[in-house]
N, C-alpha and C. Protein backbone atom coordinates (compact mmCIF):
# COMPACT_ATOMS: atom_id res chain seq x y z
N MET A 1 -49.95 75.18 76.69
CA MET A 1 -50.93 75.91 75.94
C MET A 1 -50.72 75.72 74.43
N LEU A 2 -49.48 75.74 73.96
CA LEU A 2 -49.21 75.58 72.54
C LEU A 2 -49.55 74.19 72.04
N SER A 3 -49.65 73.23 72.93
CA SER A 3 -49.99 71.87 72.51
C SER A 3 -51.51 71.64 72.55
N SER A 4 -52.24 72.60 73.01
CA SER A 4 -53.69 72.47 73.09
C SER A 4 -54.32 72.51 71.70
N ARG A 5 -55.21 71.58 71.49
CA ARG A 5 -55.91 71.51 70.21
C ARG A 5 -56.77 72.76 69.99
N TRP A 6 -57.42 73.27 71.02
CA TRP A 6 -58.28 74.45 70.90
C TRP A 6 -57.48 75.69 70.53
N PHE A 7 -56.28 75.78 71.02
CA PHE A 7 -55.43 76.92 70.67
C PHE A 7 -55.16 76.93 69.17
N TRP A 8 -54.78 75.78 68.62
CA TRP A 8 -54.46 75.70 67.19
C TRP A 8 -55.70 75.90 66.31
N ILE A 9 -56.82 75.38 66.77
CA ILE A 9 -58.07 75.58 66.02
C ILE A 9 -58.43 77.07 66.02
N SER A 10 -58.31 77.71 67.18
CA SER A 10 -58.61 79.15 67.27
C SER A 10 -57.65 79.98 66.42
N LEU A 11 -56.38 79.61 66.45
CA LEU A 11 -55.38 80.32 65.64
C LEU A 11 -55.67 80.13 64.15
N ALA A 12 -56.02 78.94 63.74
CA ALA A 12 -56.35 78.67 62.33
C ALA A 12 -57.58 79.47 61.91
N LEU A 13 -58.61 79.50 62.76
CA LEU A 13 -59.81 80.29 62.45
C LEU A 13 -59.48 81.78 62.33
N LEU A 14 -58.65 82.27 63.22
CA LEU A 14 -58.24 83.67 63.18
C LEU A 14 -57.48 83.98 61.89
N VAL A 15 -56.58 83.11 61.50
CA VAL A 15 -55.80 83.32 60.26
C VAL A 15 -56.72 83.28 59.05
N PHE A 16 -57.61 82.30 59.00
CA PHE A 16 -58.54 82.21 57.86
C PHE A 16 -59.48 83.41 57.81
N TRP A 17 -59.95 83.85 58.98
CA TRP A 17 -60.79 85.05 59.00
C TRP A 17 -60.01 86.25 58.49
N ALA A 18 -58.77 86.42 58.96
CA ALA A 18 -57.96 87.57 58.55
C ALA A 18 -57.70 87.54 57.03
N LEU A 19 -57.42 86.38 56.49
CA LEU A 19 -57.21 86.27 55.04
C LEU A 19 -58.49 86.62 54.28
N GLY A 20 -59.61 86.12 54.76
CA GLY A 20 -60.89 86.42 54.11
C GLY A 20 -61.22 87.90 54.17
N ALA A 21 -61.01 88.50 55.33
CA ALA A 21 -61.30 89.93 55.49
C ALA A 21 -60.37 90.77 54.61
N TYR A 22 -59.10 90.40 54.56
CA TYR A 22 -58.14 91.12 53.73
C TYR A 22 -58.53 91.00 52.25
N ASN A 23 -58.87 89.80 51.82
CA ASN A 23 -59.28 89.59 50.43
C ASN A 23 -60.53 90.39 50.09
N ARG A 24 -61.45 90.50 51.04
CA ARG A 24 -62.66 91.29 50.81
C ARG A 24 -62.32 92.77 50.62
N LEU A 25 -61.42 93.28 51.45
CA LEU A 25 -61.02 94.68 51.33
C LEU A 25 -60.32 94.94 50.00
N VAL A 26 -59.47 94.02 49.58
CA VAL A 26 -58.78 94.16 48.30
C VAL A 26 -59.79 94.10 47.16
N ARG A 27 -60.75 93.20 47.24
CA ARG A 27 -61.77 93.06 46.20
C ARG A 27 -62.62 94.32 46.10
N LEU A 28 -63.00 94.89 47.24
CA LEU A 28 -63.81 96.11 47.23
C LEU A 28 -63.03 97.30 46.68
N ARG A 29 -61.75 97.37 47.02
CA ARG A 29 -60.92 98.45 46.48
C ARG A 29 -60.79 98.31 44.97
N ALA A 30 -60.61 97.08 44.49
CA ALA A 30 -60.54 96.84 43.05
C ALA A 30 -61.87 97.15 42.37
N GLN A 31 -62.97 96.88 43.05
CA GLN A 31 -64.29 97.15 42.50
C GLN A 31 -64.50 98.66 42.31
N VAL A 32 -64.00 99.47 43.24
CA VAL A 32 -64.09 100.92 43.09
C VAL A 32 -63.33 101.35 41.85
N LYS A 33 -62.13 100.83 41.69
CA LYS A 33 -61.32 101.20 40.52
C LYS A 33 -61.99 100.71 39.23
N GLN A 34 -62.60 99.55 39.29
CA GLN A 34 -63.29 99.01 38.11
C GLN A 34 -64.52 99.86 37.77
N GLN A 35 -65.24 100.33 38.77
CA GLN A 35 -66.42 101.15 38.53
C GLN A 35 -66.05 102.52 37.97
N PHE A 36 -64.80 102.92 38.15
CA PHE A 36 -64.38 104.20 37.60
C PHE A 36 -64.25 104.13 36.08
N GLY A 37 -64.01 102.95 35.52
CA GLY A 37 -63.83 102.80 34.07
C GLY A 37 -64.98 103.35 33.24
N PRO A 38 -66.22 102.89 33.46
CA PRO A 38 -67.34 103.45 32.69
C PRO A 38 -67.55 104.95 32.94
N LEU A 39 -67.37 105.38 34.18
CA LEU A 39 -67.50 106.79 34.49
C LEU A 39 -66.43 107.59 33.76
N GLU A 40 -65.24 107.05 33.73
CA GLU A 40 -64.13 107.71 33.03
C GLU A 40 -64.45 107.87 31.54
N SER A 41 -65.03 106.85 30.92
CA SER A 41 -65.34 106.96 29.50
C SER A 41 -66.37 108.06 29.23
N VAL A 42 -67.35 108.21 30.12
CA VAL A 42 -68.33 109.28 29.96
C VAL A 42 -67.66 110.64 30.16
N LEU A 43 -66.78 110.75 31.16
CA LEU A 43 -66.09 112.02 31.40
C LEU A 43 -65.17 112.38 30.24
N LEU A 44 -64.52 111.37 29.66
CA LEU A 44 -63.68 111.64 28.49
C LEU A 44 -64.53 112.08 27.31
N ALA A 45 -65.72 111.53 27.19
CA ALA A 45 -66.63 111.96 26.12
C ALA A 45 -67.07 113.40 26.34
N TYR A 46 -67.34 113.77 27.61
CA TYR A 46 -67.65 115.16 27.93
C TYR A 46 -66.50 116.06 27.47
N GLN A 47 -65.31 115.65 27.83
CA GLN A 47 -64.13 116.43 27.49
C GLN A 47 -64.00 116.57 25.98
N GLU A 48 -64.27 115.51 25.26
CA GLU A 48 -64.20 115.55 23.80
C GLU A 48 -65.23 116.53 23.23
N VAL A 49 -66.43 116.52 23.78
CA VAL A 49 -67.47 117.45 23.32
C VAL A 49 -67.04 118.89 23.57
N VAL A 50 -66.46 119.15 24.73
CA VAL A 50 -65.99 120.51 25.02
C VAL A 50 -64.86 120.89 24.08
N GLN A 51 -63.95 119.96 23.79
CA GLN A 51 -62.86 120.25 22.85
C GLN A 51 -63.43 120.58 21.48
N GLN A 52 -64.44 119.84 21.05
CA GLN A 52 -65.07 120.12 19.77
C GLN A 52 -65.78 121.47 19.79
N ALA A 53 -66.38 121.81 20.92
CA ALA A 53 -67.03 123.12 21.05
C ALA A 53 -65.99 124.23 21.00
N VAL A 54 -64.84 124.01 21.62
CA VAL A 54 -63.76 124.99 21.55
C VAL A 54 -63.32 125.17 20.11
N SER A 55 -63.20 124.06 19.38
CA SER A 55 -62.83 124.15 17.97
C SER A 55 -63.89 124.90 17.17
N ALA A 56 -65.15 124.62 17.45
CA ALA A 56 -66.23 125.31 16.74
C ALA A 56 -66.23 126.80 17.08
N ALA A 57 -65.96 127.13 18.33
CA ALA A 57 -65.91 128.53 18.73
C ALA A 57 -64.72 129.24 18.10
N ALA A 58 -63.59 128.53 17.99
CA ALA A 58 -62.40 129.12 17.38
C ALA A 58 -62.62 129.36 15.89
N ALA A 59 -63.43 128.53 15.27
CA ALA A 59 -63.70 128.66 13.84
C ALA A 59 -64.72 129.75 13.54
N ALA A 60 -65.32 130.32 14.57
CA ALA A 60 -66.34 131.36 14.37
C ALA A 60 -65.68 132.73 14.49
N PRO A 61 -65.28 133.34 13.37
CA PRO A 61 -64.59 134.63 13.46
C PRO A 61 -65.46 135.73 14.05
N GLN A 62 -66.79 135.59 13.92
CA GLN A 62 -67.66 136.61 14.47
C GLN A 62 -67.58 136.66 16.00
N LEU A 63 -67.06 135.61 16.62
CA LEU A 63 -66.88 135.61 18.07
C LEU A 63 -65.97 136.76 18.50
N TRP A 64 -64.95 137.00 17.72
CA TRP A 64 -63.98 138.02 18.09
C TRP A 64 -64.30 139.37 17.46
N ASP A 65 -65.02 139.39 16.34
CA ASP A 65 -65.21 140.60 15.57
C ASP A 65 -66.49 141.35 15.90
N THR A 66 -67.37 140.75 16.70
CA THR A 66 -68.64 141.40 17.00
C THR A 66 -68.38 142.61 17.89
N PRO A 67 -68.76 143.82 17.42
CA PRO A 67 -68.53 145.02 18.24
C PRO A 67 -69.28 144.95 19.57
N GLY A 68 -68.60 145.31 20.61
CA GLY A 68 -69.22 145.33 21.93
C GLY A 68 -69.27 143.98 22.62
N ASN A 69 -68.97 142.90 21.92
CA ASN A 69 -69.03 141.57 22.51
C ASN A 69 -67.67 140.91 22.63
N SER A 70 -66.61 141.65 22.33
CA SER A 70 -65.30 141.02 22.35
C SER A 70 -64.92 140.54 23.75
N ASP A 71 -65.30 141.30 24.79
CA ASP A 71 -64.99 140.86 26.16
C ASP A 71 -65.73 139.57 26.49
N LEU A 72 -67.00 139.49 26.10
CA LEU A 72 -67.78 138.28 26.34
C LEU A 72 -67.17 137.11 25.58
N GLY A 73 -66.79 137.35 24.33
CA GLY A 73 -66.19 136.29 23.52
C GLY A 73 -64.89 135.78 24.12
N HIS A 74 -64.02 136.70 24.53
CA HIS A 74 -62.75 136.29 25.14
C HIS A 74 -62.99 135.58 26.47
N SER A 75 -63.98 136.04 27.23
CA SER A 75 -64.31 135.39 28.50
C SER A 75 -64.77 133.95 28.29
N LEU A 76 -65.66 133.75 27.31
CA LEU A 76 -66.12 132.39 27.01
C LEU A 76 -64.98 131.52 26.54
N TRP A 77 -64.16 132.07 25.66
CA TRP A 77 -63.02 131.33 25.12
C TRP A 77 -62.09 130.90 26.26
N THR A 78 -61.80 131.81 27.17
CA THR A 78 -60.93 131.49 28.30
C THR A 78 -61.55 130.43 29.19
N ARG A 79 -62.85 130.56 29.48
CA ARG A 79 -63.52 129.57 30.33
C ARG A 79 -63.49 128.19 29.71
N LEU A 80 -63.70 128.12 28.40
CA LEU A 80 -63.67 126.82 27.73
C LEU A 80 -62.28 126.22 27.79
N GLN A 81 -61.26 127.01 27.54
CA GLN A 81 -59.90 126.49 27.57
C GLN A 81 -59.52 126.03 28.98
N VAL A 82 -59.90 126.82 29.98
CA VAL A 82 -59.60 126.44 31.36
C VAL A 82 -60.33 125.15 31.72
N ALA A 83 -61.59 125.05 31.35
CA ALA A 83 -62.37 123.85 31.66
C ALA A 83 -61.78 122.62 30.99
N ALA A 84 -61.40 122.76 29.72
CA ALA A 84 -60.82 121.63 29.00
C ALA A 84 -59.49 121.22 29.64
N GLY A 85 -58.67 122.19 30.00
CA GLY A 85 -57.39 121.88 30.65
C GLY A 85 -57.56 121.25 32.01
N LEU A 86 -58.48 121.80 32.82
CA LEU A 86 -58.74 121.23 34.15
C LEU A 86 -59.24 119.80 34.05
N SER A 87 -60.13 119.56 33.11
CA SER A 87 -60.68 118.21 32.99
C SER A 87 -59.61 117.22 32.56
N THR A 88 -58.70 117.63 31.69
CA THR A 88 -57.62 116.75 31.26
C THR A 88 -56.76 116.35 32.45
N VAL A 89 -56.37 117.35 33.24
CA VAL A 89 -55.52 117.09 34.40
C VAL A 89 -56.26 116.24 35.44
N ALA A 90 -57.52 116.58 35.70
CA ALA A 90 -58.28 115.87 36.73
C ALA A 90 -58.52 114.42 36.35
N ILE A 91 -58.85 114.16 35.10
CA ILE A 91 -59.08 112.77 34.68
C ILE A 91 -57.79 111.98 34.75
N ALA A 92 -56.68 112.57 34.35
CA ALA A 92 -55.39 111.88 34.44
C ALA A 92 -55.05 111.58 35.90
N ARG A 93 -55.32 112.52 36.78
CA ARG A 93 -55.04 112.32 38.21
C ARG A 93 -55.92 111.21 38.77
N MET A 94 -57.19 111.23 38.39
CA MET A 94 -58.13 110.23 38.89
C MET A 94 -57.78 108.84 38.35
N GLN A 95 -57.27 108.77 37.12
CA GLN A 95 -56.89 107.47 36.56
C GLN A 95 -55.77 106.83 37.37
N SER A 96 -54.85 107.63 37.87
CA SER A 96 -53.73 107.06 38.60
C SER A 96 -53.98 106.96 40.10
N HIS A 97 -54.89 107.76 40.63
CA HIS A 97 -55.15 107.75 42.08
C HIS A 97 -56.65 107.83 42.35
N THR A 98 -57.38 106.80 41.96
CA THR A 98 -58.83 106.79 42.05
C THR A 98 -59.35 107.02 43.46
N LEU A 99 -58.67 106.48 44.45
CA LEU A 99 -59.20 106.51 45.81
C LEU A 99 -58.75 107.70 46.64
N GLU A 100 -57.91 108.55 46.09
CA GLU A 100 -57.42 109.68 46.89
C GLU A 100 -58.43 110.82 46.91
N LYS A 101 -58.52 111.45 48.08
CA LYS A 101 -59.47 112.54 48.27
C LYS A 101 -59.19 113.70 47.31
N ASP A 102 -57.92 114.05 47.13
CA ASP A 102 -57.56 115.16 46.24
C ASP A 102 -57.97 114.88 44.80
N SER A 103 -57.85 113.62 44.37
CA SER A 103 -58.23 113.26 43.00
C SER A 103 -59.72 113.42 42.80
N ALA A 104 -60.50 112.97 43.76
CA ALA A 104 -61.95 113.10 43.66
C ALA A 104 -62.35 114.57 43.63
N GLN A 105 -61.71 115.39 44.47
CA GLN A 105 -62.03 116.82 44.49
C GLN A 105 -61.64 117.47 43.17
N ALA A 106 -60.47 117.10 42.62
CA ALA A 106 -60.03 117.67 41.34
C ALA A 106 -61.01 117.30 40.23
N LEU A 107 -61.47 116.06 40.22
CA LEU A 107 -62.42 115.63 39.20
C LEU A 107 -63.76 116.34 39.38
N HIS A 108 -64.19 116.49 40.61
CA HIS A 108 -65.44 117.20 40.88
C HIS A 108 -65.34 118.65 40.41
N ASP A 109 -64.23 119.31 40.71
CA ASP A 109 -64.02 120.70 40.28
C ASP A 109 -63.98 120.81 38.76
N ALA A 110 -63.31 119.86 38.12
CA ALA A 110 -63.22 119.89 36.65
C ALA A 110 -64.59 119.67 36.02
N ALA A 111 -65.37 118.77 36.59
CA ALA A 111 -66.72 118.53 36.06
C ALA A 111 -67.58 119.79 36.21
N ALA A 112 -67.44 120.48 37.33
CA ALA A 112 -68.19 121.72 37.53
C ALA A 112 -67.75 122.78 36.52
N GLU A 113 -66.43 122.85 36.27
CA GLU A 113 -65.92 123.81 35.27
C GLU A 113 -66.45 123.48 33.89
N LEU A 114 -66.45 122.19 33.53
CA LEU A 114 -66.97 121.79 32.23
C LEU A 114 -68.44 122.18 32.10
N GLN A 115 -69.20 121.91 33.15
CA GLN A 115 -70.63 122.24 33.13
C GLN A 115 -70.84 123.75 33.00
N ASP A 116 -70.07 124.53 33.75
CA ASP A 116 -70.20 125.99 33.69
C ASP A 116 -69.79 126.52 32.31
N ALA A 117 -68.70 125.98 31.77
CA ALA A 117 -68.24 126.44 30.46
C ALA A 117 -69.27 126.10 29.39
N TRP A 118 -69.83 124.91 29.47
CA TRP A 118 -70.84 124.52 28.49
C TRP A 118 -72.08 125.41 28.61
N ALA A 119 -72.49 125.66 29.85
CA ALA A 119 -73.67 126.52 30.06
C ALA A 119 -73.42 127.92 29.51
N ALA A 120 -72.20 128.42 29.69
CA ALA A 120 -71.87 129.74 29.15
C ALA A 120 -71.84 129.71 27.63
N LEU A 121 -71.39 128.62 27.08
CA LEU A 121 -71.27 128.50 25.63
C LEU A 121 -72.64 128.47 24.95
N ILE A 122 -73.60 127.79 25.57
CA ILE A 122 -74.92 127.69 24.95
C ILE A 122 -75.90 128.71 25.52
N HIS A 123 -75.40 129.62 26.36
CA HIS A 123 -76.23 130.67 26.94
C HIS A 123 -76.82 131.54 25.83
N PRO A 124 -78.04 132.03 25.99
CA PRO A 124 -78.67 132.87 24.95
C PRO A 124 -77.85 134.11 24.59
N ASP A 125 -77.07 134.65 25.53
CA ASP A 125 -76.25 135.82 25.21
C ASP A 125 -75.14 135.49 24.23
N ALA A 126 -74.82 134.22 24.12
CA ALA A 126 -73.74 133.81 23.22
C ALA A 126 -74.30 133.31 21.90
N TYR A 127 -75.36 133.96 21.43
CA TYR A 127 -76.06 133.51 20.23
C TYR A 127 -75.18 133.55 18.99
N TYR A 128 -74.15 134.34 19.00
CA TYR A 128 -73.31 134.48 17.82
C TYR A 128 -72.28 133.37 17.69
N ILE A 129 -72.21 132.48 18.68
CA ILE A 129 -71.31 131.33 18.58
C ILE A 129 -72.11 130.16 18.02
N HIS A 130 -71.66 129.64 16.93
CA HIS A 130 -72.37 128.51 16.32
C HIS A 130 -71.83 127.20 16.90
N ILE A 131 -72.66 126.54 17.66
CA ILE A 131 -72.34 125.21 18.18
C ILE A 131 -73.21 124.22 17.40
N PRO A 132 -72.59 123.27 16.73
CA PRO A 132 -73.39 122.31 15.96
C PRO A 132 -74.41 121.59 16.83
N GLN A 133 -75.56 121.35 16.25
CA GLN A 133 -76.65 120.69 16.98
C GLN A 133 -76.22 119.30 17.45
N THR A 134 -75.37 118.65 16.69
CA THR A 134 -74.91 117.30 17.10
C THR A 134 -74.14 117.36 18.41
N LEU A 135 -73.36 118.43 18.62
CA LEU A 135 -72.64 118.56 19.90
C LEU A 135 -73.61 118.80 21.05
N LYS A 136 -74.61 119.62 20.81
CA LYS A 136 -75.60 119.86 21.86
C LYS A 136 -76.34 118.57 22.20
N GLN A 137 -76.68 117.80 21.17
CA GLN A 137 -77.38 116.53 21.38
C GLN A 137 -76.48 115.55 22.13
N ARG A 138 -75.21 115.50 21.76
CA ARG A 138 -74.26 114.59 22.43
C ARG A 138 -74.12 114.96 23.90
N TRP A 139 -74.08 116.26 24.20
CA TRP A 139 -73.97 116.71 25.59
C TRP A 139 -75.17 116.23 26.40
N LEU A 140 -76.37 116.36 25.82
CA LEU A 140 -77.57 115.92 26.53
C LEU A 140 -77.56 114.40 26.74
N GLU A 141 -77.08 113.65 25.76
CA GLU A 141 -76.97 112.20 25.91
C GLU A 141 -76.00 111.85 27.03
N LEU A 142 -74.88 112.57 27.10
CA LEU A 142 -73.90 112.31 28.15
C LEU A 142 -74.46 112.66 29.52
N ASP A 143 -75.28 113.70 29.59
CA ASP A 143 -75.93 114.03 30.86
C ASP A 143 -76.77 112.86 31.36
N LEU A 144 -77.42 112.17 30.43
CA LEU A 144 -78.24 111.01 30.80
C LEU A 144 -77.37 109.81 31.19
N LEU A 145 -76.20 109.69 30.58
CA LEU A 145 -75.33 108.55 30.86
C LEU A 145 -74.53 108.70 32.15
N VAL A 146 -74.15 109.92 32.48
CA VAL A 146 -73.23 110.11 33.60
C VAL A 146 -73.87 109.78 34.95
N GLN A 147 -75.15 110.07 35.12
CA GLN A 147 -75.76 109.88 36.43
C GLN A 147 -75.77 108.42 36.90
N PRO A 148 -76.18 107.45 36.06
CA PRO A 148 -76.11 106.06 36.53
C PRO A 148 -74.68 105.59 36.83
N GLU A 149 -73.73 106.03 36.00
CA GLU A 149 -72.33 105.64 36.23
C GLU A 149 -71.82 106.24 37.54
N LEU A 150 -72.18 107.48 37.78
CA LEU A 150 -71.78 108.14 39.01
C LEU A 150 -72.41 107.46 40.22
N THR A 151 -73.65 107.04 40.09
CA THR A 151 -74.33 106.35 41.18
C THR A 151 -73.65 105.02 41.48
N ARG A 152 -73.30 104.26 40.45
CA ARG A 152 -72.61 102.98 40.67
C ARG A 152 -71.23 103.19 41.30
N PHE A 153 -70.51 104.19 40.82
CA PHE A 153 -69.19 104.49 41.37
C PHE A 153 -69.29 104.87 42.84
N ASN A 154 -70.22 105.76 43.18
CA ASN A 154 -70.40 106.17 44.57
C ASN A 154 -70.88 105.03 45.45
N ALA A 155 -71.71 104.13 44.91
CA ALA A 155 -72.15 102.96 45.68
C ALA A 155 -70.97 102.05 46.00
N ALA A 156 -70.08 101.87 45.04
CA ALA A 156 -68.88 101.04 45.27
C ALA A 156 -67.99 101.69 46.33
N ILE A 157 -67.87 103.00 46.29
CA ILE A 157 -67.07 103.71 47.30
C ILE A 157 -67.71 103.57 48.67
N LEU A 158 -69.03 103.70 48.74
CA LEU A 158 -69.73 103.57 50.01
C LEU A 158 -69.52 102.19 50.62
N GLU A 159 -69.65 101.15 49.80
CA GLU A 159 -69.45 99.78 50.28
C GLU A 159 -68.02 99.59 50.77
N TYR A 160 -67.06 100.11 50.02
CA TYR A 160 -65.64 100.02 50.41
C TYR A 160 -65.40 100.75 51.73
N ASN A 161 -65.91 101.97 51.85
CA ASN A 161 -65.71 102.75 53.08
C ASN A 161 -66.37 102.08 54.29
N GLN A 162 -67.55 101.48 54.08
CA GLN A 162 -68.20 100.77 55.18
C GLN A 162 -67.39 99.55 55.61
N ALA A 163 -66.82 98.85 54.64
CA ALA A 163 -66.05 97.66 54.96
C ALA A 163 -64.79 97.99 55.76
N ILE A 164 -64.13 99.08 55.42
CA ILE A 164 -62.91 99.41 56.17
C ILE A 164 -63.21 100.08 57.50
N ALA A 165 -64.46 100.46 57.73
CA ALA A 165 -64.83 101.09 59.00
C ALA A 165 -65.37 100.09 60.01
N GLN A 166 -65.76 98.90 59.56
CA GLN A 166 -66.36 97.92 60.46
C GLN A 166 -65.30 97.20 61.27
N TYR A 167 -65.57 97.10 62.55
CA TYR A 167 -64.69 96.34 63.42
C TYR A 167 -65.03 94.87 63.26
N PRO A 168 -64.14 93.99 63.20
CA PRO A 168 -62.70 94.02 63.38
C PRO A 168 -61.91 94.20 62.07
N ALA A 169 -62.60 94.29 60.94
CA ALA A 169 -61.89 94.49 59.68
C ALA A 169 -61.16 95.83 59.66
N ALA A 170 -61.62 96.77 60.47
CA ALA A 170 -60.96 98.07 60.55
C ALA A 170 -59.51 97.93 61.03
N LEU A 171 -59.26 96.92 61.86
CA LEU A 171 -57.89 96.68 62.31
C LEU A 171 -56.99 96.30 61.13
N LEU A 172 -57.50 95.41 60.29
CA LEU A 172 -56.72 95.03 59.10
C LEU A 172 -56.58 96.21 58.15
N ALA A 173 -57.64 96.99 58.00
CA ALA A 173 -57.59 98.16 57.12
C ALA A 173 -56.52 99.14 57.59
N LYS A 174 -56.45 99.33 58.89
CA LYS A 174 -55.44 100.23 59.44
C LYS A 174 -54.04 99.63 59.28
N LEU A 175 -53.93 98.35 59.52
CA LEU A 175 -52.63 97.67 59.42
C LEU A 175 -52.09 97.71 57.99
N PHE A 176 -52.95 97.50 57.01
CA PHE A 176 -52.52 97.45 55.61
C PHE A 176 -52.80 98.75 54.86
N GLN A 177 -53.11 99.80 55.60
CA GLN A 177 -53.27 101.16 55.08
C GLN A 177 -54.32 101.28 53.97
N PHE A 178 -55.49 100.74 54.22
CA PHE A 178 -56.64 100.96 53.34
C PHE A 178 -57.25 102.29 53.76
N GLN A 179 -57.19 103.27 52.89
CA GLN A 179 -57.70 104.61 53.19
C GLN A 179 -59.13 104.75 52.65
N PRO A 180 -59.98 105.49 53.38
CA PRO A 180 -61.33 105.74 52.87
C PRO A 180 -61.27 106.56 51.58
N ALA A 181 -62.21 106.30 50.70
CA ALA A 181 -62.29 107.03 49.43
C ALA A 181 -63.36 108.10 49.53
N THR A 182 -63.25 109.10 48.67
CA THR A 182 -64.21 110.20 48.65
C THR A 182 -65.17 110.01 47.47
N PRO A 183 -66.46 109.97 47.74
CA PRO A 183 -67.41 109.87 46.63
C PRO A 183 -67.44 111.15 45.82
N LEU A 184 -67.90 111.04 44.60
CA LEU A 184 -68.00 112.23 43.73
C LEU A 184 -69.37 112.84 43.84
C-alpha cells in the first residue's frame, strides 16, 4: 500500500489541503485583529472626548456649588469617571485579546457606559455644565464613524467564525485551538 502511487498522491493532496485550510484560518484570524485597528482608533477618540468632557465638567465650579443640584452633579461626575476608567481598561483588554469573549463583552459594556455618561452629561437637566460645542460636534462625528467600522469588524468575525465551523476545516480549528470570536 505504501508503494502505491495513488496513496502518495492522496496523502500529498491531503497535506496541501490541510496547509491551505490552516493558512486560511490564520489569515481570517489576522483579518479580525486588523479590522479592530480602525475601530480601536474611533473608540480611543470617544474616550478622549469623554476625558475632555470630564475636564470641562471639573472646570465648571457651578457644577458643585448649585444649591439643590449637588447630588446630580456628583452623580454625573462619578458616571463620567467610571465610564472613562471602564473604557480605558476595556480597550486595553481588547488590544491584547481581540478574539476573547470576555474582551468583547468588556468593550461592549464600556461603550454602553460611555454612551450613558455622555447622554447624562448633555441631558437637559444638566444645563449648568458647560460642554464646548466642539466636543458635542466631535461626539456626533464619532457616532457616524463608529458604525461602519463596527460593521466591518463584525463581518470579519462572522467570516472567521464560519470558517472554523465548517467541516472539515473545523477539525483543524479544533486541533490548533482556533476559538470562535464574539461580535460587538
